Amino acid sequence: MYTFLNSLKRIVVILVAVFFASGCTKAFLPATSFNPWEVVPLPTDATLSDIAFSADSNHGWLVGKNTTLLETNDGGATWESRVISLDDAQPYTFTSVSFSGDEGWIAGQPSILLHTTDGGRSWARIPLSDQLPGSPNTVLALGPSAAEMTTDIGAIYQTRDGGKSWQAMVQQAVGVVRNLARSPDGRYVAVSARGNFYSTWEPGQEAWVQHNRNSSRRLQSMGFSPDGHLWILARGGLVQFENPENPDEWTEPVTPEFSTSWGLLDLAYRTPNEVWVSGGSGNLLYSSDGGASWQKDRAVEDTPSNFYKIVFVNSEQGFILGQGGTLLRYVGSDAA
């Protein structure tokens, strides 16, 4: 009997070892063979929110908490602080910045909207109604004197006269949102504040359409791929993509690295197949095949910051925005 039990224990140990060996490629991701990101020193320790460039791809603006506004003239390699004269001394959180040519917009909270027509040499404050549902959340420059603004409860407005008047695009707001993203063709997706459900809206609809989440995990963030399909980041490091063959279905959820407990915060495409996902505690994941397989950029994981947002201006110009004035700049694998 004793011999039998010892043999059984050895078999169990072997099976456990085989299990962990077979799953280690997913438990601990392989490291990328390159690091295309460099940390950019900034004259601020404020958490960053958004980044945009004017007609000149070297001239850009970076915004964040504590009325943070930074300007670059060398493509994002160096940045200098800029101060906008406002009527009050209240600190604002600038949540969004967008340019079309030399015309730009900045949205923020408490309720504030700024407009420039000269590339940012001067900024004018656009009056907003006290009846505005929510506070400005995102703003998108659409062309001369035109912009689209959303609020933190999912109201959507457009202006065609430089902010003198606004047209409501949706008749009913969706409620407090965790995050909100826009597709190139004007569709929106919004994640509820608690991550219990998500809502979609497309031009012409009078109201948002609510959707139940398709897993037990709360939603963290959602957005659109370059071809307009949805992606999901959920609690516990889960990634999921909309089925390109059937938009009413989702692919199987994937946890790229389930050995870690940090959350995934944002996802962005550099090319139609190259995907980057950022997370807490300096974590950055990379996929070269649209999310079928994953690697980890371990060269940046010692950066003392959560990586909140990834922005690719184009395939060769990208940035990762984080807390404490953390900014990573894409320099390409060759330059790295």
Protein backbone atom coordinates (compact mmCIF):
# COMPACT_ATOMS: atom_id res chain seq x y z
CA MET A 1 0.00 0.00 0.00
CA TYR A 2 2.84 2.39 0.93
CA THR A 3 4.57 1.74 -2.39
CA PHE A 4 1.34 2.35 -4.25
CA LEU A 5 0.83 5.73 -2.52
CA ASN A 6 4.39 6.82 -3.28
CA SER A 7 3.93 5.91 -6.92
CA LEU A 8 0.66 7.80 -7.02
CA LYS A 9 2.31 10.90 -5.50
CA ARG A 10 5.10 10.77 -8.11
CA ILE A 11 2.51 10.57 -10.89
CA VAL A 12 0.62 13.60 -9.49
CA VAL A 13 3.86 15.59 -9.20
CA ILE A 14 4.75 14.77 -12.81
CA LEU A 15 1.28 15.76 -14.03
CA VAL A 16 1.45 19.07 -12.15
CA ALA A 17 4.90 19.78 -13.61
CA VAL A 18 3.64 19.02 -17.11
CA PHE A 19 0.64 21.30 -16.57
CA PHE A 20 2.74 24.25 -15.49
CA ALA A 21 5.29 23.65 -18.21
CA SER A 22 2.58 23.61 -20.88
CA GLY A 23 0.98 26.77 -19.50
CA CYS A 24 4.07 28.84 -18.77
CA THR A 25 4.07 30.46 -22.20
CA LYS A 26 0.79 32.09 -21.23
CA ALA A 27 1.54 32.52 -17.52
CA PHE A 28 4.73 34.47 -18.24
CA LEU A 29 4.93 36.10 -21.64
CA PRO A 30 8.18 36.02 -23.61
CA ALA A 31 10.00 39.33 -23.82
CA THR A 32 10.13 41.31 -27.05
CA SER A 33 13.50 41.26 -28.80
CA PHE A 34 13.36 45.05 -29.11
CA ASN A 35 12.12 48.10 -27.20
CA PRO A 36 10.83 50.85 -29.49
CA TRP A 37 9.95 53.23 -26.64
CA GLU A 38 12.00 55.88 -24.87
CA VAL A 39 11.08 57.79 -21.71
CA VAL A 40 10.78 61.53 -22.37
CA PRO A 41 11.66 63.90 -19.47
CA LEU A 42 8.91 66.43 -18.80
CA PRO A 43 8.77 69.64 -16.73
CA THR A 44 5.76 68.34 -14.78
CA ASP A 45 4.72 65.52 -12.50
CA ALA A 46 1.03 65.84 -13.37
CA THR A 47 -0.89 62.86 -14.71
CA LEU A 48 -1.25 63.19 -18.49
CA SER A 49 -4.54 62.89 -20.38
CA ASP A 50 -4.14 63.46 -24.13
CA ILE A 51 -1.82 64.51 -26.94
CA ALA A 52 -2.33 65.99 -30.41
CA PHE A 53 -0.35 67.57 -33.24
CA SER A 54 -1.16 70.49 -35.52
CA ALA A 55 -0.62 70.71 -39.30
CA ASP A 56 3.12 70.37 -38.66
CA SER A 57 3.75 66.88 -37.30
CA ASN A 58 6.62 68.31 -35.24
CA HIS A 59 4.36 70.78 -33.44
CA GLY A 60 2.21 69.21 -30.74
CA TRP A 61 0.41 69.73 -27.47
CA LEU A 62 0.16 67.61 -24.34
CA VAL A 63 -2.49 68.13 -21.64
CA GLY A 64 -3.24 66.77 -18.20
CA LYS A 65 -4.21 67.48 -14.61
CA ASN A 66 -3.52 70.75 -12.76
CA THR A 67 -4.09 72.84 -15.93
CA THR A 68 -1.05 71.14 -17.48
CA LEU A 69 -0.30 72.29 -21.03
CA LEU A 70 2.98 71.39 -22.75
CA GLU A 71 4.20 72.24 -26.25
CA THR A 72 6.75 70.51 -28.51
CA ASN A 73 8.34 71.66 -31.75
CA ASP A 74 10.51 68.61 -32.41
CA GLY A 75 7.97 65.82 -32.73
CA GLY A 76 7.71 65.13 -29.02
CA ALA A 77 11.39 64.68 -28.17
CA THR A 78 11.32 67.71 -25.83
CA TRP A 79 8.49 69.66 -24.22
CA GLU A 80 8.04 73.08 -22.60
CA SER A 81 5.32 74.29 -20.24
CA ARG A 82 2.78 76.81 -21.46
CA VAL A 83 0.37 78.89 -19.37
CA ILE A 84 -3.08 80.00 -20.50
CA SER A 85 -4.43 83.13 -18.83
CA LEU A 86 -7.83 82.27 -17.38
CA ASP A 87 -10.21 84.45 -15.40
CA ASP A 88 -9.94 82.30 -12.31
CA ALA A 89 -7.13 80.58 -10.45
CA GLN A 90 -8.98 77.28 -10.26
CA PRO A 91 -6.92 74.26 -11.36
CA TYR A 92 -8.46 72.37 -14.27
CA THR A 93 -7.99 68.87 -15.56
CA PHE A 94 -7.54 69.10 -19.31
CA THR A 95 -8.96 65.79 -20.54
CA SER A 96 -8.76 66.12 -24.34
CA VAL A 97 -6.92 68.05 -27.05
CA SER A 98 -7.45 67.90 -30.82
CA PHE A 99 -6.20 69.75 -33.90
CA SER A 100 -7.26 70.05 -37.54
CA GLY A 101 -4.52 72.00 -39.24
CA ASP A 102 -3.72 74.98 -37.01
CA GLU A 103 -7.17 75.04 -35.43
CA GLY A 104 -7.33 73.29 -32.09
CA TRP A 105 -9.55 72.60 -29.10
CA ILE A 106 -8.99 71.66 -25.45
CA ALA A 107 -11.74 70.25 -23.22
CA GLY A 108 -11.57 69.85 -19.48
CA GLN A 109 -13.17 69.68 -16.05
CA PRO A 110 -14.64 71.53 -14.26
CA SER A 111 -16.48 72.63 -17.37
CA ILE A 112 -14.02 74.36 -19.71
CA LEU A 113 -13.47 74.51 -23.47
CA LEU A 114 -10.62 76.35 -25.21
CA HIS A 115 -10.18 77.17 -28.91
CA THR A 116 -7.24 78.31 -31.04
CA THR A 117 -7.02 79.22 -34.72
CA ASP A 118 -3.30 80.01 -34.84
CA GLY A 119 -1.69 76.73 -33.84
CA GLY A 120 -1.85 77.50 -30.13
CA ARG A 121 -0.14 80.88 -30.05
CA SER A 122 -3.33 82.19 -28.46
CA TRP A 123 -6.29 80.44 -26.84
CA ALA A 124 -9.84 81.72 -26.32
CA ARG A 125 -12.26 80.34 -23.77
CA ILE A 126 -15.57 79.22 -25.30
CA PRO A 127 -18.60 79.94 -23.09
CA LEU A 128 -20.59 76.83 -22.20
CA SER A 129 -24.19 76.74 -21.01
CA ASP A 130 -24.95 76.02 -17.37
CA GLN A 131 -27.50 73.55 -18.73
CA LEU A 132 -24.81 71.43 -20.39
CA PRO A 133 -25.42 67.82 -19.26
CA GLY A 134 -22.17 66.83 -17.60
CA SER A 135 -18.70 68.28 -18.08
CA PRO A 136 -16.67 68.26 -21.31
CA ASN A 137 -14.89 64.93 -21.69
CA THR A 138 -13.55 64.67 -25.24
CA VAL A 139 -13.28 67.08 -28.15
CA LEU A 140 -12.47 66.37 -31.80
CA ALA A 141 -11.54 69.01 -34.38
CA LEU A 142 -13.53 68.30 -37.55
CA GLY A 143 -12.32 71.13 -39.79
CA PRO A 144 -12.63 74.93 -40.07
CA SER A 145 -14.74 76.18 -37.14
CA ALA A 146 -16.13 72.66 -36.64
CA ALA A 147 -15.73 70.32 -33.65
CA GLU A 148 -17.47 67.48 -31.84
CA MET A 149 -17.61 67.46 -28.05
CA THR A 150 -18.78 64.80 -25.61
CA THR A 151 -19.47 65.05 -21.89
CA ASP A 152 -18.73 62.67 -19.06
CA ILE A 153 -22.33 61.39 -19.11
CA GLY A 154 -22.39 60.68 -22.85
CA ALA A 155 -23.95 63.81 -24.35
CA ILE A 156 -22.66 64.55 -27.88
CA TYR A 157 -22.62 67.99 -29.49
CA GLN A 158 -21.31 69.52 -32.72
CA THR A 159 -20.46 73.10 -33.64
CA ARG A 160 -19.97 74.53 -37.13
CA ASP A 161 -19.34 78.14 -36.13
CA GLY A 162 -16.33 77.97 -33.85
CA GLY A 163 -18.30 77.22 -30.68
CA LYS A 164 -20.89 80.02 -30.90
CA SER A 165 -23.70 77.46 -31.13
CA TRP A 166 -23.97 73.72 -30.59
CA GLN A 167 -26.27 71.03 -31.93
CA ALA A 168 -27.19 68.02 -29.79
CA MET A 169 -26.47 64.80 -31.71
CA VAL A 170 -28.17 62.48 -29.22
CA GLN A 171 -31.35 63.31 -27.35
CA GLN A 172 -30.59 61.35 -24.19
CA ALA A 173 -27.26 60.94 -22.41
CA VAL A 174 -26.11 57.46 -21.46
CA GLY A 175 -25.09 58.16 -17.85
CA VAL A 176 -21.72 58.41 -16.11
CA VAL A 177 -19.11 56.65 -18.22
CA ARG A 178 -15.79 55.02 -17.42
CA ASN A 179 -14.43 55.63 -20.90
CA LEU A 180 -15.74 56.72 -24.29
CA ALA A 181 -14.21 56.18 -27.74
CA ARG A 182 -15.05 57.32 -31.27
CA SER A 183 -14.53 55.47 -34.56
CA PRO A 184 -13.26 57.28 -37.68
CA ASP A 185 -16.79 57.17 -39.16
CA GLY A 186 -18.38 58.87 -36.16
CA ARG A 187 -19.67 55.92 -34.10
CA TYR A 188 -19.19 55.83 -30.35
CA VAL A 189 -18.83 53.20 -27.65
CA ALA A 190 -19.07 54.00 -23.93
CA VAL A 191 -18.36 51.82 -20.89
CA SER A 192 -20.55 52.43 -17.84
CA ALA A 193 -18.90 53.82 -14.74
CA ARG A 194 -18.96 50.48 -12.93
CA GLY A 195 -18.15 48.43 -16.01
CA ASN A 196 -21.45 46.54 -15.83
CA PHE A 197 -22.47 47.22 -19.44
CA TYR A 198 -21.52 49.19 -22.53
CA SER A 199 -23.48 51.39 -24.92
CA THR A 200 -23.11 52.22 -28.61
CA TRP A 201 -24.30 55.12 -30.74
CA GLU A 202 -24.03 55.90 -34.43
CA PRO A 203 -24.96 59.06 -36.36
CA GLY A 204 -28.70 59.26 -36.93
CA GLN A 205 -29.71 57.43 -33.76
CA GLU A 206 -31.66 59.46 -31.19
CA ALA A 207 -30.40 57.51 -28.18
CA TRP A 208 -27.64 55.21 -27.04
CA VAL A 209 -28.16 51.46 -27.33
CA GLN A 210 -27.19 49.47 -24.23
CA HIS A 211 -25.48 46.06 -24.39
CA ASN A 212 -24.80 43.53 -21.65
CA ARG A 213 -21.18 42.56 -21.16
CA ASN A 214 -20.47 39.07 -22.46
CA SER A 215 -18.44 37.76 -19.52
CA SER A 216 -18.55 37.83 -15.73
CA ARG A 217 -15.66 40.30 -15.59
CA ARG A 218 -16.38 44.01 -15.38
CA LEU A 219 -15.39 46.09 -18.39
CA GLN A 220 -12.38 48.37 -18.10
CA SER A 221 -12.13 50.01 -21.52
CA MET A 222 -13.40 49.69 -25.09
CA GLY A 223 -12.48 51.15 -28.46
CA PHE A 224 -12.30 50.62 -32.20
CA SER A 225 -9.76 48.92 -34.45
CA PRO A 226 -8.61 50.69 -37.65
CA ASP A 227 -11.30 48.82 -39.62
CA GLY A 228 -14.03 49.88 -37.20
CA HIS A 229 -14.43 46.71 -35.13
CA LEU A 230 -14.72 46.84 -31.35
CA TRP A 231 -12.24 45.60 -28.79
CA ILE A 232 -12.65 45.07 -25.03
CA LEU A 233 -10.34 45.21 -22.04
CA ALA A 234 -11.89 43.70 -18.90
CA ARG A 235 -10.85 43.20 -15.30
CA GLY A 236 -8.20 40.59 -14.67
CA GLY A 237 -6.20 41.37 -17.80
CA LEU A 238 -8.75 40.06 -20.32
CA VAL A 239 -8.69 41.05 -24.01
CA GLN A 240 -11.47 40.38 -26.51
CA PHE A 241 -12.17 41.39 -30.09
CA GLU A 242 -15.34 41.71 -32.11
CA ASN A 243 -15.69 38.99 -34.75
CA PRO A 244 -14.83 40.70 -38.07
CA GLU A 245 -17.02 38.21 -39.91
CA ASN A 246 -20.04 38.83 -37.68
CA PRO A 247 -20.19 42.08 -35.67
CA ASP A 248 -22.89 40.58 -33.44
CA GLU A 249 -20.43 38.01 -32.10
CA TRP A 250 -17.17 38.18 -30.14
CA THR A 251 -14.05 36.06 -30.37
CA GLU A 252 -13.03 33.97 -27.39
CA PRO A 253 -11.68 36.12 -24.53
CA VAL A 254 -7.92 35.93 -24.03
CA THR A 255 -5.84 36.62 -20.94
CA PRO A 256 -2.39 37.27 -22.44
CA GLU A 257 -0.57 36.86 -19.11
CA PHE A 258 -2.71 35.43 -16.31
CA SER A 259 0.16 35.15 -13.85
CA THR A 260 -0.05 38.87 -13.06
CA SER A 261 -2.74 40.76 -11.19
CA TRP A 262 -2.32 44.20 -12.77
CA GLY A 263 -5.09 45.55 -14.97
CA LEU A 264 -5.07 46.46 -18.64
CA LEU A 265 -5.92 50.11 -19.26
CA ASP A 266 -5.70 50.91 -22.98
CA LEU A 267 -5.20 49.32 -26.40
CA ALA A 268 -4.01 50.90 -29.65
CA TYR A 269 -3.09 49.77 -33.16
CA ARG A 270 0.14 51.02 -34.74
CA THR A 271 -0.68 49.15 -37.95
CA PRO A 272 -3.70 47.00 -38.86
CA ASN A 273 -1.92 43.98 -37.33
CA GLU A 274 0.39 45.47 -34.68
CA VAL A 275 -1.33 45.97 -31.33
CA TRP A 276 -0.02 47.51 -28.11
CA VAL A 277 -1.77 47.17 -24.75
CA SER A 278 -0.78 49.20 -21.69
CA GLY A 279 -1.49 48.49 -18.06
CA GLY A 280 -0.72 49.26 -14.48
CA SER A 281 2.76 49.16 -12.94
CA GLY A 282 4.59 49.87 -16.18
CA ASN A 283 3.26 46.87 -18.07
CA LEU A 284 3.22 46.95 -21.86
CA LEU A 285 2.15 44.08 -24.15
CA TYR A 286 2.76 43.68 -27.87
CA SER A 287 1.14 41.60 -30.61
CA SER A 288 2.27 41.49 -34.23
CA ASP A 289 -0.64 39.34 -35.42
CA GLY A 290 -3.73 41.25 -34.34
CA GLY A 291 -3.91 39.70 -30.88
CA ALA A 292 -3.41 36.02 -31.73
CA SER A 293 -0.13 35.88 -29.78
CA TRP A 294 1.52 38.23 -27.29
CA GLN A 295 4.90 39.35 -26.00
CA LYS A 296 5.92 41.70 -23.22
CA ASP A 297 8.15 44.77 -23.47
CA ARG A 298 10.17 44.20 -20.31
CA ALA A 299 12.51 47.12 -20.95
CA VAL A 300 9.87 49.57 -19.67
CA GLU A 301 8.35 47.60 -16.80
CA ASP A 302 10.58 49.35 -14.24
CA THR A 303 9.02 52.70 -15.18
CA PRO A 304 7.26 53.81 -11.96
CA SER A 305 3.93 54.60 -13.53
CA ASN A 306 0.61 53.27 -14.70
CA PHE A 307 0.34 53.57 -18.48
CA TYR A 308 -3.12 55.07 -18.98
CA LYS A 309 -3.31 55.90 -22.67
CA ILE A 310 -1.62 54.96 -25.97
CA VAL A 311 -1.84 57.34 -28.94
CA PHE A 312 -0.45 56.67 -32.40
CA VAL A 313 -0.53 59.87 -34.45
CA ASN A 314 0.58 57.74 -37.39
CA SER A 315 2.45 54.47 -37.81
CA GLU A 316 5.80 56.11 -37.00
CA GLN A 317 4.73 58.58 -34.30
CA GLY A 318 3.28 57.28 -31.05
CA PHE A 319 3.15 58.07 -27.34
CA ILE A 320 2.18 56.41 -24.06
CA LEU A 321 0.79 58.70 -21.36
CA GLY A 322 0.97 57.87 -17.68
CA GLN A 323 0.80 59.19 -14.16
CA GLY A 324 3.37 61.41 -12.50
CA GLY A 325 4.35 63.16 -15.72
CA THR A 326 5.34 59.92 -17.45
CA LEU A 327 5.58 60.04 -21.24
CA LEU A 328 6.98 57.33 -23.54
CA ARG A 329 7.76 58.14 -27.17
CA TYR A 330 7.78 55.60 -29.99
CA VAL A 331 11.15 55.66 -31.76
CA GLY A 332 10.89 52.42 -33.75
CA SER A 333 12.74 49.15 -33.29
CA ASP A 334 15.64 50.27 -35.51
CA ALA A 335 16.25 53.46 -33.54
CA ALA A 336 15.91 51.61 -30.25
